[in-house]
Amino acid sequence: MKGDQEMVSDCTSSSFDRVIAMMNPEDSWVSEWQ
């Protein structure tokens, strides 16, 4: 996708709200607040 603005536009969204991914949710202080 690097350098291809059309591909970036097709594969991403300008409207999203707080997406996170956790490898170890038990050990994450962030997961306590989700």
N, C-alpha and C. Protein backbone atom coordinates (compact mmCIF):
# COMPACT_ATOMS: atom_id res chain seq x y z
N MET A 1 0.82 -1.20 0.00
CA MET A 1 0.00 0.00 0.00
C MET A 1 0.86 1.26 0.00
N LYS A 2 2.11 1.11 0.39
CA LYS A 2 2.99 2.27 0.48
C LYS A 2 3.09 2.96 -0.88
N GLY A 3 2.77 4.25 -0.89
CA GLY A 3 2.85 5.03 -2.11
C GLY A 3 1.63 4.93 -3.01
N ASP A 4 0.63 4.16 -2.63
CA ASP A 4 -0.57 3.99 -3.45
C ASP A 4 -1.77 4.55 -2.71
N GLN A 5 -2.04 5.83 -2.91
CA GLN A 5 -3.11 6.52 -2.18
C GLN A 5 -4.48 5.88 -2.42
N GLU A 6 -4.73 5.41 -3.63
CA GLU A 6 -6.02 4.77 -3.92
C GLU A 6 -6.20 3.49 -3.11
N MET A 7 -5.14 2.69 -3.00
CA MET A 7 -5.21 1.46 -2.22
C MET A 7 -5.41 1.78 -0.74
N VAL A 8 -4.72 2.79 -0.23
CA VAL A 8 -4.90 3.20 1.16
C VAL A 8 -6.35 3.59 1.40
N SER A 9 -6.93 4.36 0.49
CA SER A 9 -8.32 4.78 0.63
C SER A 9 -9.28 3.60 0.59
N ASP A 10 -8.98 2.61 -0.25
CA ASP A 10 -9.85 1.43 -0.36
C ASP A 10 -9.78 0.53 0.87
N CYS A 11 -8.62 0.48 1.52
CA CYS A 11 -8.40 -0.48 2.61
C CYS A 11 -8.52 0.11 4.01
N THR A 12 -8.72 1.41 4.11
CA THR A 12 -8.82 2.04 5.42
C THR A 12 -10.07 2.90 5.50
N SER A 13 -10.37 3.36 6.70
CA SER A 13 -11.54 4.19 6.94
C SER A 13 -11.13 5.44 7.69
N SER A 14 -11.76 6.54 7.36
CA SER A 14 -11.47 7.78 8.08
C SER A 14 -12.35 7.91 9.32
N SER A 15 -13.30 6.99 9.48
CA SER A 15 -14.19 7.08 10.64
C SER A 15 -14.17 5.78 11.44
N PHE A 16 -13.36 5.76 12.47
CA PHE A 16 -13.33 4.64 13.40
C PHE A 16 -13.06 5.18 14.79
N ASP A 17 -13.35 4.39 15.79
CA ASP A 17 -13.22 4.86 17.16
C ASP A 17 -12.54 3.81 18.03
N ARG A 18 -11.34 4.06 18.43
CA ARG A 18 -10.58 3.25 19.39
C ARG A 18 -10.53 1.75 19.08
N VAL A 19 -9.62 1.39 18.24
CA VAL A 19 -9.38 -0.02 17.96
C VAL A 19 -8.07 -0.42 18.62
N ILE A 20 -8.10 -1.47 19.43
CA ILE A 20 -6.87 -1.96 20.06
C ILE A 20 -6.81 -3.47 19.91
N ALA A 21 -5.61 -4.00 19.95
CA ALA A 21 -5.39 -5.45 19.95
C ALA A 21 -4.42 -5.76 21.08
N MET A 22 -4.70 -6.83 21.81
CA MET A 22 -3.85 -7.19 22.95
C MET A 22 -3.34 -8.61 22.80
N MET A 23 -2.04 -8.77 23.03
CA MET A 23 -1.43 -10.10 22.99
C MET A 23 -1.68 -10.84 24.30
N ASN A 24 -1.59 -10.13 25.44
CA ASN A 24 -1.79 -10.73 26.76
C ASN A 24 -2.75 -9.87 27.56
N PRO A 25 -4.05 -10.01 27.34
CA PRO A 25 -5.01 -9.14 28.03
C PRO A 25 -4.96 -9.26 29.55
N GLU A 26 -4.54 -10.41 30.07
CA GLU A 26 -4.47 -10.58 31.53
C GLU A 26 -3.39 -9.68 32.14
N ASP A 27 -2.35 -9.39 31.38
CA ASP A 27 -1.23 -8.60 31.88
C ASP A 27 -1.31 -7.13 31.48
N SER A 28 -2.37 -6.73 30.81
CA SER A 28 -2.44 -5.38 30.26
C SER A 28 -3.29 -4.46 31.14
N TRP A 29 -2.72 -3.31 31.50
CA TRP A 29 -3.51 -2.33 32.25
C TRP A 29 -4.55 -1.69 31.34
N VAL A 30 -4.31 -1.67 30.03
CA VAL A 30 -5.28 -1.10 29.09
C VAL A 30 -6.56 -1.93 29.07
N SER A 31 -6.41 -3.26 29.13
CA SER A 31 -7.59 -4.14 29.07
C SER A 31 -8.50 -3.95 30.27
N GLU A 32 -7.96 -3.48 31.37
CA GLU A 32 -8.80 -3.24 32.55
C GLU A 32 -9.79 -2.10 32.31
N TRP A 33 -9.49 -1.22 31.39
CA TRP A 33 -10.33 -0.05 31.13
C TRP A 33 -11.22 -0.23 29.91
N GLN A 34 -11.18 -1.40 29.28
CA GLN A 34 -11.98 -1.63 28.07
C GLN A 34 -13.27 -2.35 28.40
